[in-house]
Every structure is written in C-alpha cells, then in structure tokens.
Amino acid sequence: MKKIYSKQNSFLKFHSLNYENKKNILKSIKVVLNDKKNLKNLSKYQIKIINIVKKDLFKNGSKGKPRFDLSPNVIKEIELINKSDIPKYLFHRYRYEIFPQTNGLDDYPPYLQIEPTSFCNYRCVFCFQTNKDFTTKSNGYMGRMNLEMFKLIIDQAKNNIEFISLASRGEPLVSPIITKMLE
C-alpha cells in the first residue's frame, strides 16, 4: 500500500521537545492561571475558555472534544511573552487551534489575514498567481486595499484579535502604502 504524505504538523517532527522545559512552562502557566489578579482584565467568556485550557493542560480534558496542548512553537512563544500576557495568549491560541476542529465560532476570528494587495511581482510555479484567468485585473480579482479600509479593520481587531498577518495572495511589500499600514 502506498503511503500518503500528510502535511499537517509535519515540521513539528524536526523539533526535539525538551520535556523538562515543557514541565517548567506548565508549572509557570498553572501559577499564572490560578492567580485571580492575572484574570481580572478578562471577560467572562475569556475566563470560560481559560478554564477549558486549564482542564486540557492539567486534567483529563473534555471527553469527545479535541484537547489543547502545548506544541514546541507555542512553548517558545510563551517563553518570549510576559507572564501577565499568558492568559490572553492562551485564550487566543486555544481558539486558533481548537475552533477549526470543533467548528467553534465567536464574535471575532482567532486569526486575521489582511491582504494589502493581491498583486505580486513574482510568478512562482506553485502559486495560483500564474493563472491568467485569476490574475488579470479586468476579471475583478486583483486590487489594493486603501488606508481607510485598513484602519477600519485594525480598529475593529484591536483587543479582539491577537494574531494578524499582512499576507495572502499578493506580496504585501508591493503595496504603495505598506509603510503607512505598518505605522
């Protein structure tokens, strides 16, 4: 039987997980999440999600539901942030990892991908940008975001969406207003 390559999490196998480090991070997370002063700026909904995270990380999780765990990249990210930011980070990370598996929805997406421009100055053979039907401007699929629309999106995302990237089909650095967007 021919083995089928599965891309999902394939790069995780390149990391060697330091279990001692994970154990220390879990201890640190437990202290932070059990201290009520670290949760005082969170909404009831965020605390509800944090309680699920605690159940997944420190107990047996919820039967029949995907379980949130700390991957090597999440451990590295947690090492880089302030302890006071851990609850908010875990709230957003849980939604980012678990909601796609459970079809979970709430008021804001866990990750927002903004496309400043759909234009790209390359034509990589593996990219759909090589499809002339799709990339011809007159077909209506190509364009640039104006600064007012970008500001509107960012204002709505502020304090609601933790993970934002400026990329999609196009090369964001081709946008003539990318510097203003980054400011």
C-alpha atoms as a PDB file:
ATOM      1  CA  MET A   1       0.000   0.000   0.000  1.00  0.00           C
ATOM      2  CA  LYS A   2       1.291   3.426  -0.957  1.00  0.00           C
ATOM      3  CA  LYS A   3       1.855   5.798   1.988  1.00  0.00           C
ATOM      4  CA  ILE A   4       0.214   9.204   1.593  1.00  0.00           C
ATOM      5  CA  TYR A   5       2.158  12.235   2.768  1.00  0.00           C
ATOM      6  CA  SER A   6       0.318  14.285   5.382  1.00  0.00           C
ATOM      7  CA  LYS A   7       1.469  17.888   5.620  1.00  0.00           C
ATOM      8  CA  GLN A   8      -0.284  18.795   8.877  1.00  0.00           C
ATOM      9  CA  ASN A   9       2.227  19.316  11.707  1.00  0.00           C
ATOM     10  CA  SER A  10       4.996  17.808   9.565  1.00  0.00           C
ATOM     11  CA  PHE A  11       7.539  20.359  10.727  1.00  0.00           C
ATOM     12  CA  LEU A  12       6.932  19.528  14.373  1.00  0.00           C
ATOM     13  CA  LYS A  13       8.912  16.344  13.828  1.00  0.00           C
ATOM     14  CA  PHE A  14      12.025  18.429  13.190  1.00  0.00           C
ATOM     15  CA  HIS A  15      11.909  19.786  16.737  1.00  0.00           C
ATOM     16  CA  SER A  16      13.117  17.866  19.713  1.00  0.00           C
ATOM     17  CA  LEU A  17      10.797  18.661  22.561  1.00  0.00           C
ATOM     18  CA  ASN A  18      12.585  19.291  25.811  1.00  0.00           C
ATOM     19  CA  TYR A  19      10.157  17.661  28.251  1.00  0.00           C
ATOM     20  CA  GLU A  20      11.804  19.328  31.246  1.00  0.00           C
ATOM     21  CA  ASN A  21      11.231  22.699  29.605  1.00  0.00           C
ATOM     22  CA  LYS A  22       7.579  21.841  28.903  1.00  0.00           C
ATOM     23  CA  LYS A  23       7.150  20.768  32.513  1.00  0.00           C
ATOM     24  CA  ASN A  24       8.580  24.103  33.721  1.00  0.00           C
ATOM     25  CA  ILE A  25       6.363  26.097  31.345  1.00  0.00           C
ATOM     26  CA  LEU A  26       3.302  24.160  32.553  1.00  0.00           C
ATOM     27  CA  LYS A  27       4.209  24.953  36.177  1.00  0.00           C
ATOM     28  CA  SER A  28       4.567  28.626  35.303  1.00  0.00           C
ATOM     29  CA  ILE A  29       1.235  28.633  33.416  1.00  0.00           C
ATOM     30  CA  LYS A  30      -0.531  26.957  36.329  1.00  0.00           C
ATOM     31  CA  VAL A  31       0.699  29.628  38.754  1.00  0.00           C
ATOM     32  CA  VAL A  32      -0.344  32.439  36.394  1.00  0.00           C
ATOM     33  CA  LEU A  33      -3.795  30.994  35.637  1.00  0.00           C
ATOM     34  CA  ASN A  34      -4.563  30.224  39.285  1.00  0.00           C
ATOM     35  CA  ASP A  35      -3.785  33.786  40.388  1.00  0.00           C
ATOM     36  CA  LYS A  36      -7.058  35.729  40.039  1.00  0.00           C
ATOM     37  CA  LYS A  37      -5.288  39.064  39.599  1.00  0.00           C
ATOM     38  CA  ASN A  38      -3.933  37.772  36.258  1.00  0.00           C
ATOM     39  CA  LEU A  39      -7.504  37.179  35.075  1.00  0.00           C
ATOM     40  CA  LYS A  40      -9.072  40.442  36.239  1.00  0.00           C
ATOM     41  CA  ASN A  41      -8.928  42.101  32.790  1.00  0.00           C
ATOM     42  CA  LEU A  42     -10.544  39.151  31.030  1.00  0.00           C
ATOM     43  CA  SER A  43     -14.214  38.883  30.130  1.00  0.00           C
ATOM     44  CA  LYS A  44     -16.433  36.080  31.424  1.00  0.00           C
ATOM     45  CA  TYR A  45     -16.195  34.455  28.008  1.00  0.00           C
ATOM     46  CA  GLN A  46     -12.381  34.601  28.037  1.00  0.00           C
ATOM     47  CA  ILE A  47     -12.320  33.090  31.539  1.00  0.00           C
ATOM     48  CA  LYS A  48     -14.630  30.316  30.324  1.00  0.00           C
ATOM     49  CA  ILE A  49     -12.100  29.467  27.583  1.00  0.00           C
ATOM     50  CA  ILE A  50      -9.199  29.711  30.077  1.00  0.00           C
ATOM     51  CA  ASN A  51     -10.997  27.169  32.284  1.00  0.00           C
ATOM     52  CA  ILE A  52     -11.184  24.787  29.312  1.00  0.00           C
ATOM     53  CA  VAL A  53      -7.459  25.363  28.677  1.00  0.00           C
ATOM     54  CA  LYS A  54      -6.741  24.528  32.332  1.00  0.00           C
ATOM     55  CA  LYS A  55      -8.833  21.378  32.087  1.00  0.00           C
ATOM     56  CA  ASP A  56      -6.976  20.311  28.939  1.00  0.00           C
ATOM     57  CA  LEU A  57      -3.491  21.114  30.261  1.00  0.00           C
ATOM     58  CA  PHE A  58      -3.808  19.994  33.875  1.00  0.00           C
ATOM     59  CA  LYS A  59      -6.660  17.476  33.993  1.00  0.00           C
ATOM     60  CA  ASN A  60      -8.148  14.953  31.578  1.00  0.00           C
ATOM     61  CA  GLY A  61      -9.698  17.415  29.148  1.00  0.00           C
ATOM     62  CA  SER A  62     -13.274  17.067  27.963  1.00  0.00           C
ATOM     63  CA  LYS A  63     -14.412  13.681  26.667  1.00  0.00           C
ATOM     64  CA  GLY A  64     -15.100  13.604  22.974  1.00  0.00           C
ATOM     65  CA  LYS A  65     -13.522  17.014  22.304  1.00  0.00           C
ATOM     66  CA  PRO A  66     -10.117  17.887  20.853  1.00  0.00           C
ATOM     67  CA  ARG A  67      -7.594  18.565  23.577  1.00  0.00           C
ATOM     68  CA  PHE A  68      -5.462  21.694  23.694  1.00  0.00           C
ATOM     69  CA  ASP A  69      -1.771  21.034  24.285  1.00  0.00           C
ATOM     70  CA  LEU A  70       1.494  22.940  24.063  1.00  0.00           C
ATOM     71  CA  SER A  71       3.391  22.332  20.847  1.00  0.00           C
ATOM     72  CA  PRO A  72       7.103  23.229  20.684  1.00  0.00           C
ATOM     73  CA  ASN A  73       6.384  26.516  18.881  1.00  0.00           C
ATOM     74  CA  VAL A  74       3.761  27.504  21.487  1.00  0.00           C
ATOM     75  CA  ILE A  75       6.239  26.778  24.284  1.00  0.00           C
ATOM     76  CA  LYS A  76       8.793  29.017  22.558  1.00  0.00           C
ATOM     77  CA  GLU A  77       6.222  31.793  22.168  1.00  0.00           C
ATOM     78  CA  ILE A  78       5.223  31.551  25.833  1.00  0.00           C
ATOM     79  CA  GLU A  79       8.880  31.829  26.826  1.00  0.00           C
ATOM     80  CA  LEU A  80       9.046  35.137  24.943  1.00  0.00           C
ATOM     81  CA  ILE A  81       5.990  36.875  26.407  1.00  0.00           C
ATOM     82  CA  ASN A  82       5.401  38.489  29.785  1.00  0.00           C
ATOM     83  CA  LYS A  83       3.743  36.253  32.355  1.00  0.00           C
ATOM     84  CA  SER A  84       0.892  38.748  32.627  1.00  0.00           C
ATOM     85  CA  ASP A  85       0.121  38.174  28.924  1.00  0.00           C
ATOM     86  CA  ILE A  86      -0.127  34.382  29.218  1.00  0.00           C
ATOM     87  CA  PRO A  87      -3.907  34.219  29.896  1.00  0.00           C
ATOM     88  CA  LYS A  88      -4.745  36.384  26.889  1.00  0.00           C
ATOM     89  CA  TYR A  89      -2.273  34.480  24.722  1.00  0.00           C
ATOM     90  CA  LEU A  90      -3.741  31.101  25.752  1.00  0.00           C
ATOM     91  CA  PHE A  91      -7.284  32.345  25.104  1.00  0.00           C
ATOM     92  CA  HIS A  92      -6.384  33.296  21.541  1.00  0.00           C
ATOM     93  CA  ARG A  93      -4.150  30.260  20.963  1.00  0.00           C
ATOM     94  CA  TYR A  94      -6.907  27.893  22.112  1.00  0.00           C
ATOM     95  CA  ARG A  95      -9.354  29.469  19.683  1.00  0.00           C
ATOM     96  CA  TYR A  96      -6.754  29.357  16.891  1.00  0.00           C
ATOM     97  CA  GLU A  97      -6.010  25.658  17.373  1.00  0.00           C
ATOM     98  CA  ILE A  98      -9.259  24.146  18.635  1.00  0.00           C
ATOM     99  CA  PHE A  99     -12.053  26.129  16.957  1.00  0.00           C
ATOM    100  CA  PRO A 100     -11.220  24.848  13.443  1.00  0.00           C
ATOM    101  CA  GLN A 101     -11.541  21.292  14.782  1.00  0.00           C
ATOM    102  CA  THR A 102     -14.835  21.931  16.587  1.00  0.00           C
ATOM    103  CA  ASN A 103     -16.316  24.467  14.152  1.00  0.00           C
ATOM    104  CA  GLY A 104     -16.315  26.900  17.067  1.00  0.00           C
ATOM    105  CA  LEU A 105     -17.349  30.476  16.427  1.00  0.00           C
ATOM    106  CA  ASP A 106     -17.439  33.645  18.444  1.00  0.00           C
ATOM    107  CA  ASP A 107     -17.549  37.373  17.741  1.00  0.00           C
ATOM    108  CA  TYR A 108     -14.055  37.594  16.212  1.00  0.00           C
ATOM    109  CA  PRO A 109     -11.838  35.150  14.365  1.00  0.00           C
ATOM    110  CA  PRO A 110      -8.809  33.822  16.240  1.00  0.00           C
ATOM    111  CA  TYR A 111      -6.545  34.863  13.357  1.00  0.00           C
ATOM    112  CA  LEU A 112      -6.961  37.612  10.782  1.00  0.00           C
ATOM    113  CA  GLN A 113      -5.185  37.593   7.461  1.00  0.00           C
ATOM    114  CA  ILE A 114      -5.244  41.009   5.794  1.00  0.00           C
ATOM    115  CA  GLU A 115      -4.363  41.289   2.123  1.00  0.00           C
ATOM    116  CA  PRO A 116      -2.948  44.790   1.489  1.00  0.00           C
ATOM    117  CA  THR A 117      -2.668  43.953  -2.199  1.00  0.00           C
ATOM    118  CA  SER A 118      -3.431  40.950  -4.350  1.00  0.00           C
ATOM    119  CA  PHE A 119      -0.639  41.847  -6.745  1.00  0.00           C
ATOM    120  CA  CYS A 120       2.682  40.046  -6.685  1.00  0.00           C
ATOM    121  CA  ASN A 121       5.880  40.760  -8.549  1.00  0.00           C
ATOM    122  CA  TYR A 122       6.786  37.049  -8.773  1.00  0.00           C
ATOM    123  CA  ARG A 123       5.212  34.172 -10.666  1.00  0.00           C
ATOM    124  CA  CYS A 124       6.267  31.149  -8.646  1.00  0.00           C
ATOM    125  CA  VAL A 125       5.345  27.935 -10.468  1.00  0.00           C
ATOM    126  CA  PHE A 126       3.467  26.528  -7.443  1.00  0.00           C
ATOM    127  CA  CYS A 127       1.348  29.651  -6.883  1.00  0.00           C
ATOM    128  CA  PHE A 128      -2.075  30.457  -8.318  1.00  0.00           C
ATOM    129  CA  GLN A 129      -0.674  33.869  -9.301  1.00  0.00           C
ATOM    130  CA  THR A 130       0.405  32.132 -12.528  1.00  0.00           C
ATOM    131  CA  ASN A 131      -3.257  31.624 -13.525  1.00  0.00           C
ATOM    132  CA  LYS A 132      -4.037  34.415 -16.015  1.00  0.00           C
ATOM    133  CA  ASP A 133      -7.819  33.966 -15.571  1.00  0.00           C
ATOM    134  CA  PHE A 134      -7.451  34.752 -11.905  1.00  0.00           C
ATOM    135  CA  THR A 135      -4.756  37.426 -12.015  1.00  0.00           C
ATOM    136  CA  THR A 136      -5.963  39.575 -14.893  1.00  0.00           C
ATOM    137  CA  LYS A 137      -7.085  42.849 -13.313  1.00  0.00           C
ATOM    138  CA  SER A 138     -10.127  43.162 -15.599  1.00  0.00           C
ATOM    139  CA  ASN A 139     -11.563  39.914 -14.139  1.00  0.00           C
ATOM    140  CA  GLY A 140     -12.097  41.730 -10.841  1.00  0.00           C
ATOM    141  CA  TYR A 141      -9.935  39.569  -8.593  1.00  0.00           C
ATOM    142  CA  MET A 142      -6.987  41.912  -8.244  1.00  0.00           C
ATOM    143  CA  GLY A 143      -6.720  45.104  -6.256  1.00  0.00           C
ATOM    144  CA  ARG A 144      -5.183  47.143  -3.454  1.00  0.00           C
ATOM    145  CA  MET A 145      -6.633  47.999  -0.080  1.00  0.00           C
ATOM    146  CA  ASN A 146      -6.858  51.685   0.714  1.00  0.00           C
ATOM    147  CA  LEU A 147      -5.598  53.068   4.023  1.00  0.00           C
ATOM    148  CA  GLU A 148      -9.055  53.985   5.316  1.00  0.00           C
ATOM    149  CA  MET A 149     -10.288  50.383   4.947  1.00  0.00           C
ATOM    150  CA  PHE A 150      -7.111  49.078   6.581  1.00  0.00           C
ATOM    151  CA  LYS A 151      -7.566  51.430   9.563  1.00  0.00           C
ATOM    152  CA  LEU A 152     -11.196  50.370   9.927  1.00  0.00           C
ATOM    153  CA  ILE A 153     -10.190  46.695  10.032  1.00  0.00           C
ATOM    154  CA  ILE A 154      -7.355  47.315  12.522  1.00  0.00           C
ATOM    155  CA  ASP A 155      -9.609  49.399  14.789  1.00  0.00           C
ATOM    156  CA  GLN A 156     -12.130  46.533  14.914  1.00  0.00           C
ATOM    157  CA  ALA A 157      -9.394  43.955  15.517  1.00  0.00           C
ATOM    158  CA  LYS A 158      -7.757  45.888  18.365  1.00  0.00           C
ATOM    159  CA  ASN A 159      -8.127  43.964  21.656  1.00  0.00           C
ATOM    160  CA  ASN A 160     -10.231  41.332  19.868  1.00  0.00           C
ATOM    161  CA  ILE A 161      -7.804  39.502  17.590  1.00  0.00           C
ATOM    162  CA  GLU A 162      -4.351  38.528  18.773  1.00  0.00           C
ATOM    163  CA  PHE A 163      -2.887  37.043  15.586  1.00  0.00           C
ATOM    164  CA  ILE A 164      -2.785  39.196  12.447  1.00  0.00           C
ATOM    165  CA  SER A 165      -0.710  38.797   9.316  1.00  0.00           C
ATOM    166  CA  LEU A 166      -0.385  41.034   6.297  1.00  0.00           C
ATOM    167  CA  ALA A 167      -0.330  38.455   3.544  1.00  0.00           C
ATOM    168  CA  SER A 168      -2.445  36.260   1.352  1.00  0.00           C
ATOM    169  CA  ARG A 169      -2.349  36.026  -2.419  1.00  0.00           C
ATOM    170  CA  GLY A 170      -0.276  39.121  -3.036  1.00  0.00           C
ATOM    171  CA  GLU A 171       3.089  40.347  -1.865  1.00  0.00           C
ATOM    172  CA  PRO A 172       2.295  42.915   0.870  1.00  0.00           C
ATOM    173  CA  LEU A 173       5.535  44.834   0.277  1.00  0.00           C
ATOM    174  CA  VAL A 174       4.288  45.711  -3.240  1.00  0.00           C
ATOM    175  CA  SER A 175       1.547  47.851  -1.693  1.00  0.00           C
ATOM    176  CA  PRO A 176       2.443  51.531  -2.116  1.00  0.00           C
ATOM    177  CA  ILE A 177       1.047  52.261   1.388  1.00  0.00           C
ATOM    178  CA  ILE A 178       2.622  49.351   3.282  1.00  0.00           C
ATOM    179  CA  THR A 179       4.776  51.739   5.367  1.00  0.00           C
ATOM    180  CA  LYS A 180       1.691  53.685   6.449  1.00  0.00           C
ATOM    181  CA  MET A 181      -0.089  50.419   7.261  1.00  0.00           C
ATOM    182  CA  LEU A 182       2.787  49.256   9.440  1.00  0.00           C
ATOM    183  CA  GLU A 183       2.903  52.620  11.222  1.00  0.00           C
END
